[in-house]
């Protein structure tokens, strides 16, 4: 393999992080190469799927601060590309009204003066039909929240990157990295050089870092993404103003349950579990995650259905218009800090 032309930057991994990193680099006139091991688009990593939630309702204030800029950047990309990427639906947040987690979410919006609507048991079903609010639960709506069209956003970022002169090469797996004043990246199809290298490979990060004798305390976990059938088609559809929703905790539910209005698949609503890592790490100094640890190259060989059982029970009790049996189960991967790192950081802070 002969050496290719030299770039200012090489970005490895064309998921949402890599594609937007490459896009921002080329906007500053940096000659940039974006490498991807799979054929684009694909469903092997963490960036596939039609929708993601965007919100300002978090249990920690700094996320809400970050989202001010986040919303502006999404709006800017919509203008630049002439493509709609965001749909405002609102986010319904529910949870035991005196619980710390629920109060933290609500407090963030109140402190930041973010538009919200507080619901009561008396008026809840006037605003949110076909959902049962548990006894003792509070509810409010982050009216700024909504849905990002994830697949579309990823495609737009890559198209804008290419339009500005960026180079995308997919089906090229990185097989070696040689650091130096000029970094050399060898792939299954060529050799490339650059003054700087950015690795945004998610689940494959440590496999790539091994080429330069680095190892980060990362864990890769497989997540179930579940879609459930509506008893009456479009009962929870986005066009009927059904919002995204998040349950902070509940009876038999220690972790967050979140969902989207039906839109991606006809007659199906996406409802999943997401472990409240922040709350648990505050009490135990360990970073937790929902899902089962996995090798990214063997993702579909490992299954864990504990979360699905929890979701079945929740749906049967509180979403009367949904059949409590998943119609579609897809896979996604999270890359999270391992508990050993969190414990080390806790020790450093304590000292």
Protein backbone atom coordinates (compact mmCIF):
# COMPACT_ATOMS: atom_id res chain seq x y z
CA UNK A 1 0.00 0.00 0.00
CA UNK A 2 1.39 3.38 -0.97
CA UNK A 3 1.08 6.47 1.19
CA UNK A 4 -1.89 8.67 0.32
CA UNK A 5 -1.97 12.45 0.48
CA UNK A 6 -1.51 14.19 3.82
CA UNK A 7 -4.51 15.67 5.65
CA UNK A 8 -4.74 18.18 8.44
CA UNK A 9 -6.94 15.79 10.42
CA UNK A 10 -8.13 12.21 10.24
CA UNK A 11 -11.31 11.29 12.12
CA UNK A 12 -11.90 7.59 12.76
CA UNK A 13 -15.53 6.62 13.19
CA UNK A 14 -18.41 8.16 11.23
CA UNK A 15 -21.12 8.02 13.87
CA UNK A 16 -22.75 11.16 15.19
CA UNK A 17 -19.66 12.24 17.16
CA UNK A 18 -17.21 11.64 14.33
CA UNK A 19 -19.37 13.04 11.56
CA UNK A 20 -20.06 16.28 13.40
CA UNK A 21 -16.42 16.58 14.51
CA UNK A 22 -15.31 16.22 10.89
CA UNK A 23 -17.95 18.74 9.79
CA UNK A 24 -16.77 21.33 12.31
CA UNK A 25 -13.13 20.79 11.27
CA UNK A 26 -13.81 21.27 7.58
CA UNK A 27 -15.83 24.42 8.36
CA UNK A 28 -12.58 25.89 9.74
CA UNK A 29 -10.81 25.07 6.45
CA UNK A 30 -9.03 21.98 7.80
CA UNK A 31 -8.41 19.32 5.19
CA UNK A 32 -10.16 16.36 6.82
CA UNK A 33 -10.57 12.65 6.17
CA UNK A 34 -13.44 10.74 7.81
CA UNK A 35 -12.91 6.96 8.04
CA UNK A 36 -15.58 4.32 8.72
CA UNK A 37 -15.05 0.57 8.95
CA UNK A 38 -18.59 -0.35 7.83
CA UNK A 39 -20.65 0.56 4.77
CA UNK A 40 -22.56 3.79 5.37
CA UNK A 41 -25.24 3.95 6.63
CA UNK A 42 -25.21 1.04 9.10
CA UNK A 43 -26.80 -0.18 12.33
CA UNK A 44 -23.74 -1.63 14.04
CA UNK A 45 -22.85 1.13 16.49
CA UNK A 46 -24.59 3.76 18.64
CA UNK A 47 -25.85 6.35 16.14
CA UNK A 48 -28.46 4.51 14.09
CA UNK A 49 -32.22 4.77 14.46
CA UNK A 50 -34.69 7.39 13.39
CA UNK A 51 -35.13 9.37 16.59
CA UNK A 52 -33.37 10.71 19.67
CA UNK A 53 -34.77 12.89 22.44
CA UNK A 54 -33.57 16.45 23.01
CA UNK A 55 -34.47 18.24 26.24
CA UNK A 56 -33.47 20.70 28.90
CA UNK A 57 -35.03 18.70 31.74
CA UNK A 58 -32.07 17.01 33.45
CA UNK A 59 -31.28 16.25 37.06
CA UNK A 60 -28.04 18.25 36.82
CA UNK A 61 -27.92 21.94 35.92
CA UNK A 62 -24.88 21.87 33.66
CA UNK A 63 -26.72 19.74 31.09
CA UNK A 64 -29.40 22.40 30.79
CA UNK A 65 -26.67 25.02 30.30
CA UNK A 66 -25.12 22.94 27.50
CA UNK A 67 -28.47 22.50 25.79
CA UNK A 68 -28.87 26.22 25.17
CA UNK A 69 -26.00 26.03 22.72
CA UNK A 70 -27.13 22.61 21.52
CA UNK A 71 -30.51 23.91 20.37
CA UNK A 72 -28.83 26.83 18.60
CA UNK A 73 -26.45 24.53 16.74
CA UNK A 74 -29.25 22.23 15.58
CA UNK A 75 -31.20 25.23 14.31
CA UNK A 76 -28.09 26.48 12.53
CA UNK A 77 -27.59 23.13 10.80
CA UNK A 78 -31.25 23.09 9.73
CA UNK A 79 -30.75 26.50 8.10
CA UNK A 80 -27.48 25.52 6.43
CA UNK A 81 -28.85 22.28 4.99
CA UNK A 82 -32.46 23.31 4.44
CA UNK A 83 -33.63 20.12 6.20
CA UNK A 84 -35.94 19.74 9.19
CA UNK A 85 -34.11 17.87 11.97
CA UNK A 86 -36.07 18.82 15.11
CA UNK A 87 -39.72 18.50 16.03
CA UNK A 88 -40.95 19.98 19.28
CA UNK A 89 -43.21 17.61 21.19
CA UNK A 90 -42.55 18.52 24.80
CA UNK A 91 -41.25 16.08 27.40
CA UNK A 92 -43.60 14.76 30.08
CA UNK A 93 -41.63 14.03 33.27
CA UNK A 94 -43.31 11.88 35.93
CA UNK A 95 -42.19 10.47 39.26
CA UNK A 96 -42.93 10.35 42.99
CA UNK A 97 -43.50 14.03 43.71
CA UNK A 98 -41.33 14.07 46.84
CA UNK A 99 -38.52 11.88 45.50
CA UNK A 100 -35.06 13.42 45.06
CA UNK A 101 -34.77 12.41 41.41
CA UNK A 102 -38.08 13.97 40.39
CA UNK A 103 -37.38 17.13 42.39
CA UNK A 104 -33.92 17.45 40.79
CA UNK A 105 -35.44 17.40 37.30
CA UNK A 106 -38.07 19.95 38.25
CA UNK A 107 -35.57 22.16 40.08
CA UNK A 108 -33.32 22.42 37.03
CA UNK A 109 -36.11 23.93 34.95
CA UNK A 110 -37.19 26.25 37.75
CA UNK A 111 -33.66 27.54 38.42
CA UNK A 112 -32.98 28.13 34.72
CA UNK A 113 -36.45 29.62 34.12
CA UNK A 114 -37.03 27.12 31.34
CA UNK A 115 -40.64 27.05 30.10
CA UNK A 116 -42.59 24.27 31.78
CA UNK A 117 -46.16 23.27 32.56
CA UNK A 118 -46.93 21.65 35.91
CA UNK A 119 -49.76 19.11 35.82
CA UNK A 120 -51.97 17.95 38.68
CA UNK A 121 -53.86 14.69 39.17
CA UNK A 122 -57.05 16.64 38.42
CA UNK A 123 -56.00 17.99 35.03
CA UNK A 124 -53.43 15.36 33.98
CA UNK A 125 -55.67 13.38 31.63
CA UNK A 126 -57.06 16.52 30.04
CA UNK A 127 -53.57 17.20 28.74
CA UNK A 128 -52.15 13.65 28.54
CA UNK A 129 -54.81 11.11 27.59
CA UNK A 130 -54.14 7.34 27.56
CA UNK A 131 -51.51 7.55 30.32
CA UNK A 132 -52.22 6.73 33.96
CA UNK A 133 -50.44 8.88 36.54
CA UNK A 134 -49.52 6.74 39.54
CA UNK A 135 -50.85 7.71 42.97
CA UNK A 136 -48.43 10.10 44.64
CA UNK A 137 -46.68 11.00 41.40
CA UNK A 138 -46.05 14.51 40.20
CA UNK A 139 -45.87 15.53 36.55
CA UNK A 140 -44.64 18.45 34.48
CA UNK A 141 -43.84 19.13 30.85
CA UNK A 142 -40.57 20.56 29.54
CA UNK A 143 -42.21 22.46 26.69
CA UNK A 144 -38.89 23.07 24.87
CA UNK A 145 -38.17 19.35 24.39
CA UNK A 146 -38.75 17.21 21.35
CA UNK A 147 -37.46 14.71 18.85
CA UNK A 148 -34.32 14.85 16.73
CA UNK A 149 -34.45 12.86 13.50
CA UNK A 150 -31.23 10.97 14.14
CA UNK A 151 -30.67 9.11 10.87
CA UNK A 152 -31.51 12.24 8.93
CA UNK A 153 -29.17 14.37 11.07
CA UNK A 154 -26.28 11.97 10.57
CA UNK A 155 -26.82 11.94 6.81
CA UNK A 156 -27.00 15.75 6.72
CA UNK A 157 -23.77 16.13 8.70
CA UNK A 158 -21.93 13.80 6.31
CA UNK A 159 -23.39 15.53 3.24
CA UNK A 160 -22.45 18.99 4.54
CA UNK A 161 -18.96 17.72 5.38
CA UNK A 162 -18.54 16.37 1.83
CA UNK A 163 -20.03 19.53 0.32
CA UNK A 164 -17.35 21.63 2.03
CA UNK A 165 -14.55 19.45 0.65
CA UNK A 166 -14.28 16.74 3.29
CA UNK A 167 -13.38 13.20 2.23
CA UNK A 168 -15.37 10.20 3.49
CA UNK A 169 -14.05 6.67 3.08
CA UNK A 170 -16.26 3.86 4.36
CA UNK A 171 -15.57 0.10 4.29
CA UNK A 172 -12.06 0.86 5.54
CA UNK A 173 -11.15 -0.79 8.82
CA UNK A 174 -8.17 0.73 10.61
CA UNK A 175 -5.45 -1.89 11.09
CA UNK A 176 -2.61 0.25 12.45
CA UNK A 177 -1.86 3.69 13.88
CA UNK A 178 1.67 5.08 14.11
CA UNK A 179 1.93 8.28 16.18
CA UNK A 180 4.49 11.00 15.59
CA UNK A 181 4.74 14.59 14.40
CA UNK A 182 2.72 13.22 11.51
CA UNK A 183 0.38 10.38 12.43
CA UNK A 184 0.08 7.49 9.99
CA UNK A 185 -3.15 5.51 9.78
CA UNK A 186 -3.23 2.25 7.85
CA UNK A 187 -6.56 0.76 6.81
CA UNK A 188 -7.71 -2.30 4.92
CA UNK A 189 -7.54 -0.23 1.73
CA UNK A 190 -4.86 2.44 2.13
CA UNK A 191 -2.38 4.45 4.20
CA UNK A 192 -3.10 8.03 5.25
CA UNK A 193 -1.17 10.72 7.10
CA UNK A 194 -2.28 13.76 9.06
CA UNK A 195 -1.07 16.35 11.51
CA UNK A 196 -3.84 15.39 13.93
CA UNK A 197 -5.99 12.36 14.69
CA UNK A 198 -9.42 12.20 16.34
CA UNK A 199 -10.81 8.82 17.42
CA UNK A 200 -14.59 8.73 17.73
CA UNK A 201 -15.02 4.98 17.45
CA UNK A 202 -17.30 4.45 20.44
CA UNK A 203 -17.39 0.71 21.21
CA UNK A 204 -14.23 0.13 19.18
CA UNK A 205 -12.22 2.90 20.88
CA UNK A 206 -9.99 0.65 22.98
CA UNK A 207 -9.31 -1.68 20.06
CA UNK A 208 -7.92 1.31 18.17
CA UNK A 209 -6.07 2.78 21.15
CA UNK A 210 -4.27 -0.52 21.62
CA UNK A 211 -2.24 0.39 18.50
CA UNK A 212 -0.63 3.21 20.50
CA UNK A 213 -0.46 1.26 23.78
CA UNK A 214 -3.29 3.14 25.44
CA UNK A 215 -6.24 1.68 27.31
CA UNK A 216 -9.14 3.62 28.76
CA UNK A 217 -11.41 2.11 31.45
CA UNK A 218 -14.40 1.85 29.13
CA UNK A 219 -17.18 -0.70 29.07
CA UNK A 220 -19.33 -1.49 26.05
CA UNK A 221 -22.89 -2.49 26.84
CA UNK A 222 -25.67 -3.76 24.61
CA UNK A 223 -29.02 -2.00 25.02
CA UNK A 224 -32.47 -3.24 24.02
CA UNK A 225 -34.43 -0.68 22.02
CA UNK A 226 -38.06 -1.80 22.17
CA UNK A 227 -41.09 -0.88 20.08
CA UNK A 228 -44.59 -1.72 21.34
CA UNK A 229 -47.84 -1.97 19.37
CA UNK A 230 -50.66 0.47 19.97
CA UNK A 231 -54.05 -1.14 20.55
CA UNK A 232 -55.55 1.56 18.34
CA UNK A 233 -53.21 2.77 15.57
CA UNK A 234 -51.86 6.29 16.10
CA UNK A 235 -53.33 6.60 19.61
CA UNK A 236 -49.96 7.93 20.80
CA UNK A 237 -48.91 9.49 17.51
CA UNK A 238 -46.81 12.64 17.30
CA UNK A 239 -49.48 14.25 15.11
CA UNK A 240 -51.93 13.90 18.01
CA UNK A 241 -49.52 15.92 20.16
CA UNK A 242 -48.48 13.01 22.34
CA UNK A 243 -45.16 14.04 23.93
CA UNK A 244 -41.92 12.27 24.68
CA UNK A 245 -42.01 11.07 28.27
CA UNK A 246 -39.71 10.09 31.13
CA UNK A 247 -40.51 8.30 34.39
CA UNK A 248 -37.83 9.04 36.98
CA UNK A 249 -38.78 6.02 39.12
CA UNK A 250 -41.86 4.16 40.31
CA UNK A 251 -43.28 1.06 41.92
CA UNK A 252 -41.03 -1.80 40.84
CA UNK A 253 -39.07 0.66 38.66
CA UNK A 254 -35.81 1.96 40.13
CA UNK A 255 -34.48 3.36 36.88
CA UNK A 256 -35.71 5.78 34.24
CA UNK A 257 -38.25 4.63 31.68
CA UNK A 258 -38.48 6.83 28.63
CA UNK A 259 -40.57 6.84 25.48
CA UNK A 260 -41.38 8.63 22.25
CA UNK A 261 -44.62 9.29 20.42
CA UNK A 262 -45.35 6.76 17.70
CA UNK A 263 -43.79 7.93 14.45
CA UNK A 264 -40.88 5.70 13.41
CA UNK A 265 -42.83 2.52 12.67
CA UNK A 266 -46.58 2.68 11.88
CA UNK A 267 -48.60 1.80 14.97
CA UNK A 268 -45.56 1.29 17.21
CA UNK A 269 -44.30 3.37 20.13
CA UNK A 270 -40.68 3.28 21.36
CA UNK A 271 -40.37 2.69 25.12
CA UNK A 272 -37.07 1.75 26.79
CA UNK A 273 -35.30 1.65 30.14
CA UNK A 274 -32.30 3.76 31.05
CA UNK A 275 -30.56 3.30 34.37
CA UNK A 276 -30.27 6.39 36.56
CA UNK A 277 -26.47 6.28 36.68
CA UNK A 278 -26.10 9.71 38.24
CA UNK A 279 -28.32 8.96 41.23
CA UNK A 280 -26.61 5.66 41.92
CA UNK A 281 -23.10 7.00 41.43
CA UNK A 282 -23.79 9.77 43.96
CA UNK A 283 -24.67 7.18 46.59
CA UNK A 284 -22.12 4.49 45.80
CA UNK A 285 -19.25 6.15 43.90
CA UNK A 286 -19.72 3.58 41.14
CA UNK A 287 -20.84 4.32 37.60
CA UNK A 288 -23.75 2.05 36.69
CA UNK A 289 -25.36 1.30 33.39
CA UNK A 290 -28.31 -0.58 32.04
CA UNK A 291 -27.55 -3.39 29.59
CA UNK A 292 -25.14 -6.28 29.35
CA UNK A 293 -21.42 -5.93 28.69
CA UNK A 294 -20.53 -7.05 25.19
CA UNK A 295 -17.85 -7.28 22.53
CA UNK A 296 -18.91 -4.84 19.77
CA UNK A 297 -18.00 -7.40 17.11
CA UNK A 298 -20.22 -10.01 18.81
CA UNK A 299 -23.09 -7.71 19.80
CA UNK A 300 -26.03 -9.85 18.72
CA UNK A 301 -24.76 -13.04 20.33
CA UNK A 302 -25.58 -11.71 23.80
CA UNK A 303 -29.11 -11.12 25.04
CA UNK A 304 -30.49 -9.79 28.32
CA UNK A 305 -34.23 -9.37 28.80
CA UNK A 306 -34.45 -8.15 32.42
CA UNK A 307 -35.29 -4.64 31.26
CA UNK A 308 -38.02 -5.93 28.96
CA UNK A 309 -39.80 -7.61 31.88
CA UNK A 310 -39.76 -4.30 33.79
CA UNK A 311 -41.15 -2.48 30.76
CA UNK A 312 -43.91 -5.06 30.31
CA UNK A 313 -45.13 -4.51 33.85
CA UNK A 314 -45.00 -0.73 33.56
CA UNK A 315 -46.87 -0.65 30.26
CA UNK A 316 -49.56 -3.04 31.51
CA UNK A 317 -50.27 -0.77 34.49
CA UNK A 318 -49.85 2.75 33.12
CA UNK A 319 -50.21 2.76 29.31
CA UNK A 320 -53.64 1.21 28.67
CA UNK A 321 -53.49 1.81 24.93
CA UNK A 322 -50.29 -0.23 24.41
CA UNK A 323 -49.97 -4.02 24.11
CA UNK A 324 -47.43 -5.03 26.82
CA UNK A 325 -45.32 -7.24 24.61
CA UNK A 326 -42.56 -5.83 22.39
CA UNK A 327 -43.30 -6.03 18.67
CA UNK A 328 -39.75 -5.10 17.63
CA UNK A 329 -36.48 -5.30 19.60
CA UNK A 330 -33.41 -3.62 18.14
CA UNK A 331 -29.88 -3.36 19.52
CA UNK A 332 -27.75 -0.35 20.31
CA UNK A 333 -24.46 0.00 22.18
CA UNK A 334 -23.38 2.43 24.87
CA UNK A 335 -19.73 3.09 25.69
CA UNK A 336 -19.47 4.07 29.35
CA UNK A 337 -16.80 4.64 31.97
CA UNK A 338 -16.11 1.47 33.92
CA UNK A 339 -16.70 1.43 37.67
CA UNK A 340 -12.95 1.20 38.33
CA UNK A 341 -12.43 4.67 36.84
CA UNK A 342 -15.31 6.11 38.82
CA UNK A 343 -13.89 4.63 42.01
CA UNK A 344 -10.47 6.09 41.20
CA UNK A 345 -11.98 9.52 40.61
CA UNK A 346 -13.90 9.24 43.87
CA UNK A 347 -10.66 8.41 45.70
CA UNK A 348 -8.92 11.39 44.13
CA UNK A 349 -11.77 13.72 45.11
CA UNK A 350 -11.82 12.34 48.65
CA UNK A 351 -8.11 13.02 49.06
